[in-house]
PDB file of N, CA and C in Angstrom:
ATOM      1  N   MET A   1       6.916 211.481 -54.842  1.00  0.00           N
ATOM      2  CA  MET A   1       5.513 211.212 -54.970  1.00  0.00           C
ATOM      3  C   MET A   1       4.710 212.504 -55.079  1.00  0.00           C
ATOM      4  N   VAL A   2       5.121 213.533 -54.351  1.00  0.00           N
ATOM      5  CA  VAL A   2       4.408 214.809 -54.396  1.00  0.00           C
ATOM      6  C   VAL A   2       4.418 215.371 -55.815  1.00  0.00           C
ATOM      7  N   GLU A   3       5.536 215.238 -56.501  1.00  0.00           N
ATOM      8  CA  GLU A   3       5.638 215.754 -57.865  1.00  0.00           C
ATOM      9  C   GLU A   3       4.627 215.075 -58.782  1.00  0.00           C
ATOM     10  N   ILE A   4       4.469 213.775 -58.627  1.00  0.00           N
ATOM     11  CA  ILE A   4       3.513 213.032 -59.454  1.00  0.00           C
ATOM     12  C   ILE A   4       2.089 213.468 -59.134  1.00  0.00           C
ATOM     13  N   LEU A   5       1.773 213.549 -57.851  1.00  0.00           N
ATOM     14  CA  LEU A   5       0.415 213.926 -57.463  1.00  0.00           C
ATOM     15  C   LEU A   5       0.070 215.351 -57.866  1.00  0.00           C
ATOM     16  N   SER A   6       1.045 216.242 -57.853  1.00  0.00           N
ATOM     17  CA  SER A   6       0.761 217.629 -58.237  1.00  0.00           C
ATOM     18  C   SER A   6       0.381 217.731 -59.710  1.00  0.00           C
ATOM     19  N   THR A   7       0.925 216.856 -60.547  1.00  0.00           N
ATOM     20  CA  THR A   7       0.545 216.873 -61.965  1.00  0.00           C
ATOM     21  C   THR A   7      -0.870 216.346 -62.168  1.00  0.00           C
ATOM     22  N   LEU A   8      -1.398 215.646 -61.179  1.00  0.00           N
ATOM     23  CA  LEU A   8      -2.761 215.119 -61.253  1.00  0.00           C
ATOM     24  C   LEU A   8      -3.775 216.049 -60.595  1.00  0.00           C
ATOM     25  N   SER A   9      -3.325 217.241 -60.228  1.00  0.00           N
ATOM     26  CA  SER A   9      -4.182 218.262 -59.612  1.00  0.00           C
ATOM     27  C   SER A   9      -4.853 217.774 -58.329  1.00  0.00           C
ATOM     28  N   MET A  10      -4.072 217.129 -57.473  1.00  0.00           N
ATOM     29  CA  MET A  10      -4.589 216.668 -56.185  1.00  0.00           C
ATOM     30  C   MET A  10      -4.788 217.852 -55.241  1.00  0.00           C
ATOM     31  N   ASP A  11      -5.672 217.675 -54.271  1.00  0.00           N
ATOM     32  CA  ASP A  11      -5.925 218.744 -53.309  1.00  0.00           C
ATOM     33  C   ASP A  11      -4.744 218.892 -52.348  1.00  0.00           C
ATOM     34  N   ILE A  12      -4.739 219.976 -51.597  1.00  0.00           N
ATOM     35  CA  ILE A  12      -3.609 220.318 -50.735  1.00  0.00           C
ATOM     36  C   ILE A  12      -3.399 219.292 -49.626  1.00  0.00           C
ATOM     37  N   ASP A  13      -4.472 218.731 -49.072  1.00  0.00           N
ATOM     38  CA  ASP A  13      -4.308 217.733 -48.014  1.00  0.00           C
ATOM     39  C   ASP A  13      -3.634 216.468 -48.541  1.00  0.00           C
ATOM     40  N   THR A  14      -3.972 216.072 -49.748  1.00  0.00           N
ATOM     41  CA  THR A  14      -3.332 214.899 -50.353  1.00  0.00           C
ATOM     42  C   THR A  14      -1.853 215.155 -50.579  1.00  0.00           C
ATOM     43  N   LEU A  15      -1.513 216.346 -51.048  1.00  0.00           N
ATOM     44  CA  LEU A  15      -0.104 216.688 -51.255  1.00  0.00           C
ATOM     45  C   LEU A  15       0.650 216.729 -49.929  1.00  0.00           C
ATOM     46  N   ARG A  16       0.018 217.266 -48.900  1.00  0.00           N
ATOM     47  CA  ARG A  16       0.654 217.288 -47.573  1.00  0.00           C
ATOM     48  C   ARG A  16       0.889 215.870 -47.061  1.00  0.00           C
ATOM     49  N   ALA A  17      -0.102 215.013 -47.223  1.00  0.00           N
ATOM     50  CA  ALA A  17       0.040 213.627 -46.770  1.00  0.00           C
ATOM     51  C   ALA A  17       1.171 212.929 -47.516  1.00  0.00           C
ATOM     52  N   ALA A  18       1.274 213.158 -48.814  1.00  0.00           N
ATOM     53  CA  ALA A  18       2.353 212.544 -49.597  1.00  0.00           C
ATOM     54  C   ALA A  18       3.716 213.056 -49.156  1.00  0.00           C
ATOM     55  N   LEU A  19       3.792 214.324 -48.852  1.00  0.00           N
ATOM     56  CA  LEU A  19       5.056 214.919 -48.420  1.00  0.00           C
ATOM     57  C   LEU A  19       5.465 214.417 -47.036  1.00  0.00           C
ATOM     58  N   LEU A  20       4.501 214.260 -46.155  1.00  0.00           N
ATOM     59  CA  LEU A  20       4.790 213.891 -44.767  1.00  0.00           C
ATOM     60  C   LEU A  20       4.776 212.385 -44.519  1.00  0.00           C
ATOM     61  N   PHE A  21       4.319 211.622 -45.489  1.00  0.00           N
ATOM     62  CA  PHE A  21       4.248 210.169 -45.350  1.00  0.00           C
ATOM     63  C   PHE A  21       5.562 209.536 -44.885  1.00  0.00           C
ATOM     64  N   PRO A  22       6.715 209.904 -45.453  1.00  0.00           N
ATOM     65  CA  PRO A  22       7.968 209.285 -44.989  1.00  0.00           C
ATOM     66  C   PRO A  22       8.251 209.526 -43.508  1.00  0.00           C
ATOM     67  N   LEU A  23       7.844 210.665 -42.987  1.00  0.00           N
ATOM     68  CA  LEU A  23       8.044 210.940 -41.562  1.00  0.00           C
ATOM     69  C   LEU A  23       7.173 210.034 -40.700  1.00  0.00           C
ATOM     70  N   ALA A  24       5.960 209.785 -41.159  1.00  0.00           N
ATOM     71  CA  ALA A  24       5.073 208.885 -40.424  1.00  0.00           C
ATOM     72  C   ALA A  24       5.552 207.447 -40.547  1.00  0.00           C
ATOM     73  N   ASP A  25       5.942 207.069 -41.742  1.00  0.00           N
ATOM     74  CA  ASP A  25       6.389 205.700 -41.994  1.00  0.00           C
ATOM     75  C   ASP A  25       7.644 205.368 -41.195  1.00  0.00           C
ATOM     76  N   GLY A  26       8.540 206.326 -41.086  1.00  0.00           N
ATOM     77  CA  GLY A  26       9.770 206.122 -40.329  1.00  0.00           C
ATOM     78  C   GLY A  26       9.626 206.404 -38.846  1.00  0.00           C
ATOM     79  N   GLU A  27       8.399 206.711 -38.425  1.00  0.00           N
ATOM     80  CA  GLU A  27       8.102 207.014 -37.023  1.00  0.00           C
ATOM     81  C   GLU A  27       8.978 208.144 -36.485  1.00  0.00           C
ATOM     82  N   VAL A  28       9.255 209.126 -37.347  1.00  0.00           N
ATOM     83  CA  VAL A  28      10.056 210.289 -36.968  1.00  0.00           C
ATOM     84  C   VAL A  28       9.214 211.282 -36.174  1.00  0.00           C
ATOM     85  N   VAL A  29       7.931 211.360 -36.527  1.00  0.00           N
ATOM     86  CA  VAL A  29       7.015 212.302 -35.887  1.00  0.00           C
ATOM     87  C   VAL A  29       5.824 211.515 -35.347  1.00  0.00           C
ATOM     88  N   SER A  30       5.396 211.857 -34.145  1.00  0.00           N
ATOM     89  CA  SER A  30       4.246 211.161 -33.559  1.00  0.00           C
ATOM     90  C   SER A  30       2.951 211.609 -34.233  1.00  0.00           C
ATOM     91  N   GLU A  31       1.955 210.776 -34.115  1.00  0.00           N
ATOM     92  CA  GLU A  31       0.658 211.092 -34.694  1.00  0.00           C
ATOM     93  C   GLU A  31       0.074 212.359 -34.082  1.00  0.00           C
ATOM     94  N   GLU A  32       0.253 212.537 -32.782  1.00  0.00           N
ATOM     95  CA  GLU A  32      -0.291 213.723 -32.109  1.00  0.00           C
ATOM     96  C   GLU A  32       0.343 215.005 -32.645  1.00  0.00           C
ATOM     97  N   VAL A  33       1.660 214.998 -32.786  1.00  0.00           N
ATOM     98  CA  VAL A  33       2.362 216.180 -33.297  1.00  0.00           C
ATOM     99  C   VAL A  33       1.923 216.476 -34.725  1.00  0.00           C
ATOM    100  N   MET A  34       1.822 215.432 -35.535  1.00  0.00           N
ATOM    101  CA  MET A  34       1.404 215.614 -36.921  1.00  0.00           C
ATOM    102  C   MET A  34      -0.008 216.188 -36.978  1.00  0.00           C
ATOM    103  N   GLN A  35      -0.903 215.683 -36.154  1.00  0.00           N
ATOM    104  CA  GLN A  35      -2.279 216.168 -36.166  1.00  0.00           C
ATOM    105  C   GLN A  35      -2.353 217.628 -35.731  1.00  0.00           C
ATOM    106  N   GLU A  36      -1.562 218.010 -34.739  1.00  0.00           N
ATOM    107  CA  GLU A  36      -1.529 219.408 -34.304  1.00  0.00           C
ATOM    108  C   GLU A  36      -0.972 220.314 -35.396  1.00  0.00           C
ATOM    109  N   SER A  37      -0.040 219.800 -36.175  1.00  0.00           N
ATOM    110  CA  SER A  37       0.628 220.612 -37.193  1.00  0.00           C
ATOM    111  C   SER A  37      -0.185 220.765 -38.472  1.00  0.00           C
ATOM    112  N   VAL A  38      -0.759 219.673 -38.958  1.00  0.00           N
ATOM    113  CA  VAL A  38      -1.412 219.724 -40.268  1.00  0.00           C
ATOM    114  C   VAL A  38      -2.883 219.356 -40.256  1.00  0.00           C
ATOM    115  N   GLY A  39      -3.373 218.868 -39.141  1.00  0.00           N
ATOM    116  CA  GLY A  39      -4.798 218.575 -39.029  1.00  0.00           C
ATOM    117  C   GLY A  39      -5.153 217.105 -39.181  1.00  0.00           C
ATOM    118  N   LYS A  40      -6.359 216.815 -38.744  1.00  0.00           N
ATOM    119  CA  LYS A  40      -6.834 215.435 -38.720  1.00  0.00           C
ATOM    120  C   LYS A  40      -7.021 214.853 -40.116  1.00  0.00           C
ATOM    121  N   SER A  41      -7.437 215.657 -41.073  1.00  0.00           N
ATOM    122  CA  SER A  41      -7.691 215.131 -42.419  1.00  0.00           C
ATOM    123  C   SER A  41      -6.419 214.586 -43.062  1.00  0.00           C
ATOM    124  N   VAL A  42      -5.292 215.253 -42.834  1.00  0.00           N
ATOM    125  CA  VAL A  42      -4.020 214.775 -43.385  1.00  0.00           C
ATOM    126  C   VAL A  42      -3.601 213.488 -42.684  1.00  0.00           C
ATOM    127  N   VAL A  43      -3.765 213.437 -41.376  1.00  0.00           N
ATOM    128  CA  VAL A  43      -3.424 212.229 -40.618  1.00  0.00           C
ATOM    129  C   VAL A  43      -4.292 211.060 -41.080  1.00  0.00           C
ATOM    130  N   THR A  44      -5.562 211.318 -41.353  1.00  0.00           N
ATOM    131  CA  THR A  44      -6.451 210.274 -41.856  1.00  0.00           C
ATOM    132  C   THR A  44      -5.973 209.750 -43.202  1.00  0.00           C
ATOM    133  N   LEU A  45      -5.522 210.628 -44.066  1.00  0.00           N
ATOM    134  CA  LEU A  45      -4.983 210.196 -45.356  1.00  0.00           C
ATOM    135  C   LEU A  45      -3.729 209.346 -45.173  1.00  0.00           C
ATOM    136  N   ILE A  46      -2.872 209.736 -44.252  1.00  0.00           N
ATOM    137  CA  ILE A  46      -1.658 208.960 -43.991  1.00  0.00           C
ATOM    138  C   ILE A  46      -2.031 207.573 -43.470  1.00  0.00           C
ATOM    139  N   HIS A  47      -3.018 207.507 -42.587  1.00  0.00           N
ATOM    140  CA  HIS A  47      -3.491 206.207 -42.101  1.00  0.00           C
ATOM    141  C   HIS A  47      -4.018 205.363 -43.256  1.00  0.00           C
ATOM    142  N   GLY A  48      -4.652 205.994 -44.213  1.00  0.00           N
ATOM    143  CA  GLY A  48      -5.191 205.285 -45.369  1.00  0.00           C
ATOM    144  C   GLY A  48      -4.132 204.639 -46.231  1.00  0.00           C
ATOM    145  N   CYS A  49      -2.903 205.084 -46.082  1.00  0.00           N
ATOM    146  CA  CYS A  49      -1.793 204.488 -46.830  1.00  0.00           C
ATOM    147  C   CYS A  49      -1.324 203.191 -46.181  1.00  0.00           C
ATOM    148  N   GLY A  50      -1.892 202.851 -45.034  1.00  0.00           N
ATOM    149  CA  GLY A  50      -1.570 201.592 -44.380  1.00  0.00           C
ATOM    150  C   GLY A  50      -0.307 201.610 -43.556  1.00  0.00           C
ATOM    151  N   THR A  51       0.078 202.766 -43.087  1.00  0.00           N
ATOM    152  CA  THR A  51       1.266 202.856 -42.257  1.00  0.00           C
ATOM    153  C   THR A  51       0.955 203.536 -40.953  1.00  0.00           C
ATOM    154  N   TRP A  52       1.953 203.991 -40.344  1.00  0.00           N
ATOM    155  CA  TRP A  52       1.965 204.545 -39.007  1.00  0.00           C
ATOM    156  C   TRP A  52       1.803 203.357 -38.090  1.00  0.00           C
ATOM    157  N   PRO A  53       2.317 203.432 -36.934  1.00  0.00           N
ATOM    158  CA  PRO A  53       2.131 202.276 -36.047  1.00  0.00           C
ATOM    159  C   PRO A  53       0.636 202.062 -35.818  1.00  0.00           C
ATOM    160  N   LEU A  54       0.017 201.376 -36.755  1.00  0.00           N
ATOM    161  CA  LEU A  54      -1.426 201.180 -36.687  1.00  0.00           C
ATOM    162  C   LEU A  54      -1.837 200.359 -35.473  1.00  0.00           C
ATOM    163  N   SER A  55      -0.886 199.671 -34.877  1.00  0.00           N
ATOM    164  CA  SER A  55      -1.199 198.920 -33.665  1.00  0.00           C
ATOM    165  C   SER A  55      -1.594 199.863 -32.533  1.00  0.00           C
ATOM    166  N   ALA A  56      -1.160 201.129 -32.632  1.00  0.00           N
ATOM    167  CA  ALA A  56      -1.484 202.119 -31.603  1.00  0.00           C
ATOM    168  C   ALA A  56      -2.913 202.616 -31.740  1.00  0.00           C
ATOM    169  N   SER A  57      -3.544 202.382 -32.901  1.00  0.00           N
ATOM    170  CA  SER A  57      -4.902 202.896 -33.087  1.00  0.00           C
ATOM    171  C   SER A  57      -5.944 201.816 -32.980  1.00  0.00           C
TER     172      SER A  57
END
């Protein structure tokens, strides 16, 4: 997905969210760790994809 988005000249946060989405979807990394690592804007984009244990939010 990152390869496709990069051809569309997406911003860096969107590319980060696309790259890290599988980790969030598979619950490999907690939301807190992700937010500390890449920031709230990337976590917000990941939430916008309709994943992460949204029941926790």
